[in-house]
Amino acid sequence: MKTDENGCYTEDNYSEIIKQTEKSSALLIGCGLGTSECAANLVKKLIENANCPVILDADGINCIKDCTEIIDKAQAGII
C-alpha cells in the first residue's frame, strides 16, 4: 500500500481496495489509516463507491468528521 510522507494511506490505493471489495462482504476503514488530507480523500471515494457494507472506525470517522453528508452518497450500508 502506498503512503504519504507521514505514513498515511493515499488515494493511490483506491483502485486496489475497490477491486478487493468486489469479493468482500464488508470493508473496514479506520484502523491505523491516519487522518491526512490524502487519507480523507481515499475514505470519501471508498464510501461513495464500495459495493459492500462499509464499517467506519476511528480514523475513518475522523476523516469524514467535517463532511458527514458523504454517508448519504454511499452505495452500500455504513456501520
Protein backbone atom coordinates (compact mmCIF):
# COMPACT_ATOMS: atom_id res chain seq x y z
CA MET A 1 0.00 0.00 0.00
CA LYS A 2 1.25 3.47 -0.85
CA THR A 3 1.64 6.03 1.92
CA ASP A 4 2.48 9.72 2.12
CA GLU A 5 5.45 11.22 3.96
CA ASN A 6 3.56 10.86 7.27
CA GLY A 7 2.79 7.17 6.74
CA CYS A 8 -0.90 7.79 5.91
CA TYR A 9 -2.52 5.85 3.08
CA THR A 10 -3.16 7.81 -0.10
CA GLU A 11 -5.72 7.85 -2.89
CA ASP A 12 -3.24 5.87 -4.99
CA ASN A 13 -4.55 2.79 -3.18
CA TYR A 14 -8.16 3.35 -4.26
CA SER A 15 -8.21 1.06 -7.32
CA GLU A 16 -6.72 -1.91 -5.49
CA ILE A 17 -9.01 -1.51 -2.47
CA ILE A 18 -12.18 -1.08 -4.54
CA LYS A 19 -11.20 -4.14 -6.59
CA GLN A 20 -10.94 -6.17 -3.39
CA THR A 21 -14.43 -5.09 -2.29
CA GLU A 22 -15.90 -6.95 -5.28
CA LYS A 23 -15.27 -10.22 -3.43
CA SER A 24 -15.68 -8.92 0.13
CA SER A 25 -18.65 -8.99 2.46
CA ALA A 26 -17.57 -5.74 4.19
CA LEU A 27 -14.90 -3.03 4.11
CA LEU A 28 -13.37 -1.82 7.37
CA ILE A 29 -11.98 1.71 7.16
CA GLY A 30 -10.13 3.32 10.01
CA CYS A 31 -7.70 1.18 11.92
CA GLY A 32 -4.33 2.92 11.58
CA LEU A 33 -5.36 4.74 8.41
CA GLY A 34 -4.31 8.19 9.53
CA THR A 35 -6.21 11.44 9.06
CA SER A 36 -4.23 13.30 6.43
CA GLU A 37 -5.98 15.04 3.55
CA CYS A 38 -4.89 12.16 1.29
CA ALA A 39 -6.38 9.60 3.67
CA ALA A 40 -9.61 11.61 3.92
CA ASN A 41 -9.91 11.75 0.13
CA LEU A 42 -9.41 7.98 -0.04
CA VAL A 43 -12.09 7.39 2.60
CA LYS A 44 -14.59 9.59 0.78
CA LYS A 45 -14.01 7.81 -2.54
CA LEU A 46 -14.34 4.40 -0.88
CA ILE A 47 -17.57 5.34 0.89
CA GLU A 48 -19.09 6.59 -2.36
CA ASN A 49 -18.07 3.58 -4.44
CA ALA A 50 -17.75 0.45 -2.29
CA ASN A 51 -20.28 -2.18 -3.30
CA CYS A 52 -20.27 -3.86 0.11
CA PRO A 53 -21.14 -2.52 3.56
CA VAL A 54 -18.56 -0.12 5.00
CA ILE A 55 -17.58 -0.18 8.66
CA LEU A 56 -16.10 3.14 9.78
CA ASP A 57 -13.84 3.08 12.81
CA ALA A 58 -11.54 5.61 14.48
CA ASP A 59 -9.54 7.31 11.72
CA GLY A 60 -12.25 6.55 9.16
CA ILE A 61 -14.74 8.54 11.22
CA ASN A 62 -12.21 11.30 11.83
CA CYS A 63 -11.58 11.56 8.08
CA ILE A 64 -15.22 12.46 7.42
CA LYS A 65 -15.98 14.48 10.56
CA ASP A 66 -16.31 17.69 8.55
CA CYS A 67 -18.34 16.18 5.70
CA THR A 68 -20.69 13.61 7.18
CA GLU A 69 -23.10 14.19 4.27
CA ILE A 70 -20.81 11.81 2.34
CA ILE A 71 -22.63 8.98 4.12
CA ASP A 72 -25.74 9.78 2.05
CA LYS A 73 -23.74 9.03 -1.11
CA ALA A 74 -22.78 5.51 -0.03
CA GLN A 75 -23.61 2.69 -2.46
CA ALA A 76 -23.91 0.19 0.41
CA GLY A 77 -24.69 0.43 4.12
CA ILE A 78 -22.50 2.28 6.59
CA ILE A 79 -21.86 0.98 10.10
